[in-house]
Amino acid sequence: MLLSRDYVAYMAGEVVKRLVASKMVETPSADALAQRLRIAMQDEISVEDRVNEEVRQILTQYADDMRRAGASYQEMFKKVKGELARQRKLILR
């Protein structure tokens, strides 16, 4: 994750504050809305971390085959990650 959790919480609070101030949204509780936005933002930011972990698990299962074939771990990591992202229609940085 490139952004710290504290910074994500700050950004969520600022977004809600500005939306409420410009009367683009109405909410009975700006804090509750900021909390929900923070959770959504953190979930979106951590998608790539979850994909990376899944790729590591997949490559661990095929470690012996990769060794026998002489495949590069880094190259296989890129290929598997790209394929998972394509299948799930994810846009990764």
N, C-alpha and C. Protein backbone atom coordinates (compact mmCIF):
# COMPACT_ATOMS: atom_id res chain seq x y z
N MET A 1 0.85 -1.17 0.00
CA MET A 1 0.00 0.00 0.00
C MET A 1 0.90 1.23 0.00
N LEU A 2 0.67 2.10 -0.94
CA LEU A 2 1.48 3.30 -1.05
C LEU A 2 1.11 4.36 -0.02
N LEU A 3 -0.13 4.42 0.39
CA LEU A 3 -0.60 5.45 1.31
C LEU A 3 -0.80 4.87 2.69
N SER A 4 -0.45 5.63 3.71
CA SER A 4 -0.65 5.16 5.07
C SER A 4 -2.13 5.24 5.44
N ARG A 5 -2.51 4.44 6.40
CA ARG A 5 -3.91 4.43 6.84
C ARG A 5 -4.33 5.79 7.38
N ASP A 6 -3.42 6.47 8.06
CA ASP A 6 -3.73 7.79 8.60
C ASP A 6 -4.01 8.78 7.48
N TYR A 7 -3.23 8.71 6.41
CA TYR A 7 -3.43 9.63 5.30
C TYR A 7 -4.74 9.33 4.58
N VAL A 8 -5.08 8.06 4.45
CA VAL A 8 -6.36 7.68 3.83
C VAL A 8 -7.51 8.23 4.67
N ALA A 9 -7.41 8.11 5.98
CA ALA A 9 -8.45 8.65 6.87
C ALA A 9 -8.56 10.16 6.71
N TYR A 10 -7.43 10.83 6.62
CA TYR A 10 -7.42 12.28 6.42
C TYR A 10 -8.09 12.65 5.10
N MET A 11 -7.72 11.95 4.03
CA MET A 11 -8.31 12.23 2.72
C MET A 11 -9.82 12.02 2.73
N ALA A 12 -10.27 10.94 3.36
CA ALA A 12 -11.71 10.67 3.43
C ALA A 12 -12.42 11.79 4.16
N GLY A 13 -11.85 12.24 5.26
CA GLY A 13 -12.45 13.33 6.02
C GLY A 13 -12.52 14.62 5.22
N GLU A 14 -11.45 14.91 4.49
CA GLU A 14 -11.42 16.13 3.67
C GLU A 14 -12.43 16.06 2.52
N VAL A 15 -12.55 14.92 1.90
CA VAL A 15 -13.51 14.76 0.80
C VAL A 15 -14.92 14.99 1.31
N VAL A 16 -15.25 14.36 2.44
CA VAL A 16 -16.59 14.53 3.00
C VAL A 16 -16.82 15.98 3.40
N LYS A 17 -15.83 16.59 4.04
CA LYS A 17 -15.95 17.98 4.48
C LYS A 17 -16.24 18.90 3.28
N ARG A 18 -15.52 18.70 2.20
CA ARG A 18 -15.71 19.55 1.02
C ARG A 18 -17.02 19.28 0.31
N LEU A 19 -17.44 18.03 0.27
CA LEU A 19 -18.73 17.71 -0.36
C LEU A 19 -19.89 18.32 0.43
N VAL A 20 -19.81 18.23 1.75
CA VAL A 20 -20.87 18.80 2.59
C VAL A 20 -20.84 20.34 2.48
N ALA A 21 -19.66 20.93 2.51
CA ALA A 21 -19.54 22.39 2.44
C ALA A 21 -20.07 22.94 1.11
N SER A 22 -19.87 22.20 0.04
CA SER A 22 -20.35 22.66 -1.26
C SER A 22 -21.78 22.20 -1.54
N LYS A 23 -22.40 21.59 -0.53
CA LYS A 23 -23.79 21.12 -0.60
C LYS A 23 -24.03 20.14 -1.74
N MET A 24 -23.02 19.34 -2.02
CA MET A 24 -23.15 18.29 -3.02
C MET A 24 -23.76 17.03 -2.40
N VAL A 25 -23.60 16.87 -1.09
CA VAL A 25 -24.22 15.76 -0.36
C VAL A 25 -24.81 16.29 0.94
N GLU A 26 -25.85 15.62 1.39
CA GLU A 26 -26.41 15.91 2.71
C GLU A 26 -26.29 14.64 3.53
N THR A 27 -25.88 14.80 4.76
CA THR A 27 -25.72 13.65 5.63
C THR A 27 -26.01 14.05 7.06
N PRO A 28 -26.67 13.17 7.81
CA PRO A 28 -26.91 13.48 9.23
C PRO A 28 -25.62 13.42 10.05
N SER A 29 -24.64 12.63 9.57
CA SER A 29 -23.39 12.49 10.31
C SER A 29 -22.22 12.46 9.34
N ALA A 30 -21.49 13.55 9.29
CA ALA A 30 -20.32 13.62 8.41
C ALA A 30 -19.25 12.62 8.85
N ASP A 31 -19.14 12.41 10.17
CA ASP A 31 -18.13 11.47 10.67
C ASP A 31 -18.42 10.04 10.21
N ALA A 32 -19.69 9.65 10.26
CA ALA A 32 -20.06 8.31 9.82
C ALA A 32 -19.80 8.13 8.33
N LEU A 33 -20.11 9.16 7.55
CA LEU A 33 -19.85 9.11 6.12
C LEU A 33 -18.35 9.04 5.83
N ALA A 34 -17.57 9.81 6.55
CA ALA A 34 -16.12 9.78 6.39
C ALA A 34 -15.56 8.40 6.73
N GLN A 35 -16.11 7.78 7.75
CA GLN A 35 -15.68 6.43 8.15
C GLN A 35 -15.98 5.43 7.04
N ARG A 36 -17.17 5.49 6.47
CA ARG A 36 -17.54 4.58 5.37
C ARG A 36 -16.66 4.82 4.15
N LEU A 37 -16.38 6.08 3.85
CA LEU A 37 -15.52 6.41 2.72
C LEU A 37 -14.10 5.92 2.96
N ARG A 38 -13.61 6.07 4.18
CA ARG A 38 -12.26 5.59 4.51
C ARG A 38 -12.15 4.10 4.29
N ILE A 39 -13.15 3.36 4.73
CA ILE A 39 -13.13 1.90 4.56
C ILE A 39 -13.13 1.53 3.08
N ALA A 40 -13.95 2.21 2.29
CA ALA A 40 -14.01 1.94 0.86
C ALA A 40 -12.67 2.27 0.18
N MET A 41 -12.07 3.38 0.57
CA MET A 41 -10.80 3.78 -0.02
C MET A 41 -9.69 2.79 0.35
N GLN A 42 -9.64 2.36 1.60
CA GLN A 42 -8.62 1.40 2.02
C GLN A 42 -8.80 0.07 1.31
N ASP A 43 -10.04 -0.33 1.13
CA ASP A 43 -10.31 -1.58 0.43
C ASP A 43 -9.81 -1.49 -1.01
N GLU A 44 -10.07 -0.38 -1.66
CA GLU A 44 -9.64 -0.20 -3.06
C GLU A 44 -8.11 -0.15 -3.16
N ILE A 45 -7.47 0.50 -2.23
CA ILE A 45 -6.02 0.62 -2.25
C ILE A 45 -5.35 -0.73 -1.99
N SER A 46 -5.96 -1.57 -1.20
CA SER A 46 -5.34 -2.85 -0.84
C SER A 46 -5.61 -3.96 -1.85
N VAL A 47 -6.31 -3.68 -2.94
CA VAL A 47 -6.60 -4.70 -3.95
C VAL A 47 -5.30 -5.28 -4.49
N GLU A 48 -4.35 -4.44 -4.83
CA GLU A 48 -3.09 -4.93 -5.40
C GLU A 48 -2.32 -5.78 -4.39
N ASP A 49 -2.37 -5.43 -3.12
CA ASP A 49 -1.70 -6.24 -2.10
C ASP A 49 -2.30 -7.63 -2.04
N ARG A 50 -3.62 -7.71 -2.14
CA ARG A 50 -4.29 -9.02 -2.12
C ARG A 50 -3.95 -9.84 -3.37
N VAL A 51 -3.88 -9.19 -4.51
CA VAL A 51 -3.50 -9.89 -5.74
C VAL A 51 -2.07 -10.40 -5.63
N ASN A 52 -1.16 -9.57 -5.12
CA ASN A 52 0.24 -10.00 -4.95
C ASN A 52 0.34 -11.22 -4.06
N GLU A 53 -0.42 -11.25 -2.98
CA GLU A 53 -0.40 -12.40 -2.07
C GLU A 53 -0.92 -13.65 -2.77
N GLU A 54 -1.97 -13.50 -3.55
CA GLU A 54 -2.52 -14.65 -4.28
C GLU A 54 -1.51 -15.17 -5.30
N VAL A 55 -0.80 -14.28 -5.98
CA VAL A 55 0.21 -14.68 -6.95
C VAL A 55 1.32 -15.45 -6.23
N ARG A 56 1.74 -14.98 -5.07
CA ARG A 56 2.78 -15.69 -4.31
C ARG A 56 2.33 -17.10 -3.96
N GLN A 57 1.07 -17.25 -3.56
CA GLN A 57 0.54 -18.57 -3.22
C GLN A 57 0.53 -19.48 -4.45
N ILE A 58 0.12 -18.95 -5.58
CA ILE A 58 0.08 -19.74 -6.82
C ILE A 58 1.49 -20.18 -7.20
N LEU A 59 2.45 -19.25 -7.14
CA LEU A 59 3.81 -19.58 -7.53
C LEU A 59 4.45 -20.57 -6.56
N THR A 60 4.06 -20.53 -5.31
CA THR A 60 4.57 -21.50 -4.33
C THR A 60 4.13 -22.90 -4.72
N GLN A 61 2.91 -23.03 -5.21
CA GLN A 61 2.39 -24.34 -5.62
C GLN A 61 3.16 -24.89 -6.82
N TYR A 62 3.65 -24.02 -7.68
CA TYR A 62 4.35 -24.44 -8.89
C TYR A 62 5.85 -24.23 -8.82
N ALA A 63 6.40 -24.09 -7.62
CA ALA A 63 7.83 -23.81 -7.45
C ALA A 63 8.69 -24.90 -8.06
N ASP A 64 8.35 -26.16 -7.84
CA ASP A 64 9.16 -27.26 -8.37
C ASP A 64 9.14 -27.27 -9.90
N ASP A 65 7.97 -27.07 -10.48
CA ASP A 65 7.86 -27.04 -11.94
C ASP A 65 8.66 -25.88 -12.52
N MET A 66 8.62 -24.75 -11.85
CA MET A 66 9.36 -23.58 -12.33
C MET A 66 10.86 -23.83 -12.26
N ARG A 67 11.30 -24.48 -11.18
CA ARG A 67 12.72 -24.78 -11.03
C ARG A 67 13.19 -25.71 -12.15
N ARG A 68 12.39 -26.74 -12.42
CA ARG A 68 12.75 -27.70 -13.47
C ARG A 68 12.80 -27.03 -14.85
N ALA A 69 11.88 -26.12 -15.09
CA ALA A 69 11.81 -25.46 -16.39
C ALA A 69 12.79 -24.29 -16.48
N GLY A 70 13.34 -23.88 -15.36
CA GLY A 70 14.28 -22.76 -15.35
C GLY A 70 13.60 -21.42 -15.51
N ALA A 71 12.35 -21.35 -15.09
CA ALA A 71 11.58 -20.11 -15.23
C ALA A 71 11.99 -19.12 -14.15
N SER A 72 12.05 -17.87 -14.51
CA SER A 72 12.38 -16.80 -13.58
C SER A 72 11.17 -16.48 -12.70
N TYR A 73 11.39 -16.41 -11.40
CA TYR A 73 10.30 -16.10 -10.46
C TYR A 73 9.71 -14.73 -10.78
N GLN A 74 10.56 -13.75 -11.05
CA GLN A 74 10.08 -12.40 -11.31
C GLN A 74 9.22 -12.34 -12.57
N GLU A 75 9.68 -13.02 -13.62
CA GLU A 75 8.91 -13.03 -14.87
C GLU A 75 7.57 -13.73 -14.68
N MET A 76 7.58 -14.84 -13.98
CA MET A 76 6.34 -15.58 -13.74
C MET A 76 5.40 -14.76 -12.86
N PHE A 77 5.97 -14.05 -11.89
CA PHE A 77 5.16 -13.20 -11.01
C PHE A 77 4.43 -12.16 -11.85
N LYS A 78 5.16 -11.49 -12.75
CA LYS A 78 4.55 -10.47 -13.61
C LYS A 78 3.45 -11.06 -14.48
N LYS A 79 3.73 -12.23 -15.07
CA LYS A 79 2.76 -12.86 -15.96
C LYS A 79 1.50 -13.28 -15.22
N VAL A 80 1.66 -13.94 -14.08
CA VAL A 80 0.50 -14.41 -13.31
C VAL A 80 -0.29 -13.22 -12.79
N LYS A 81 0.39 -12.21 -12.30
CA LYS A 81 -0.29 -11.01 -11.79
C LYS A 81 -1.07 -10.33 -12.91
N GLY A 82 -0.45 -10.20 -14.07
CA GLY A 82 -1.14 -9.60 -15.21
C GLY A 82 -2.36 -10.39 -15.62
N GLU A 83 -2.25 -11.70 -15.58
CA GLU A 83 -3.38 -12.55 -15.96
C GLU A 83 -4.52 -12.44 -14.95
N LEU A 84 -4.18 -12.45 -13.67
CA LEU A 84 -5.22 -12.29 -12.65
C LEU A 84 -5.91 -10.93 -12.78
N ALA A 85 -5.13 -9.90 -13.01
CA ALA A 85 -5.69 -8.55 -13.17
C ALA A 85 -6.61 -8.50 -14.40
N ARG A 86 -6.19 -9.14 -15.47
CA ARG A 86 -7.00 -9.16 -16.68
C ARG A 86 -8.31 -9.92 -16.46
N GLN A 87 -8.21 -11.08 -15.81
CA GLN A 87 -9.42 -11.89 -15.54
C GLN A 87 -10.41 -11.15 -14.66
N ARG A 88 -9.91 -10.43 -13.70
CA ARG A 88 -10.77 -9.72 -12.74
C ARG A 88 -11.08 -8.28 -13.17
N LYS A 89 -10.54 -7.91 -14.32
CA LYS A 89 -10.76 -6.56 -14.86
C LYS A 89 -10.32 -5.47 -13.89
N LEU A 90 -9.11 -5.68 -13.33
CA LEU A 90 -8.54 -4.73 -12.39
C LEU A 90 -7.56 -3.82 -13.11
N ILE A 91 -7.47 -2.61 -12.66
CA ILE A 91 -6.47 -1.68 -13.16
C ILE A 91 -5.47 -1.48 -12.02
N LEU A 92 -4.25 -1.94 -12.23
CA LEU A 92 -3.23 -1.85 -11.21
C LEU A 92 -2.20 -0.81 -11.61
N ARG A 93 -1.54 -0.24 -10.64
CA ARG A 93 -0.54 0.78 -10.91
C ARG A 93 0.70 0.19 -11.47
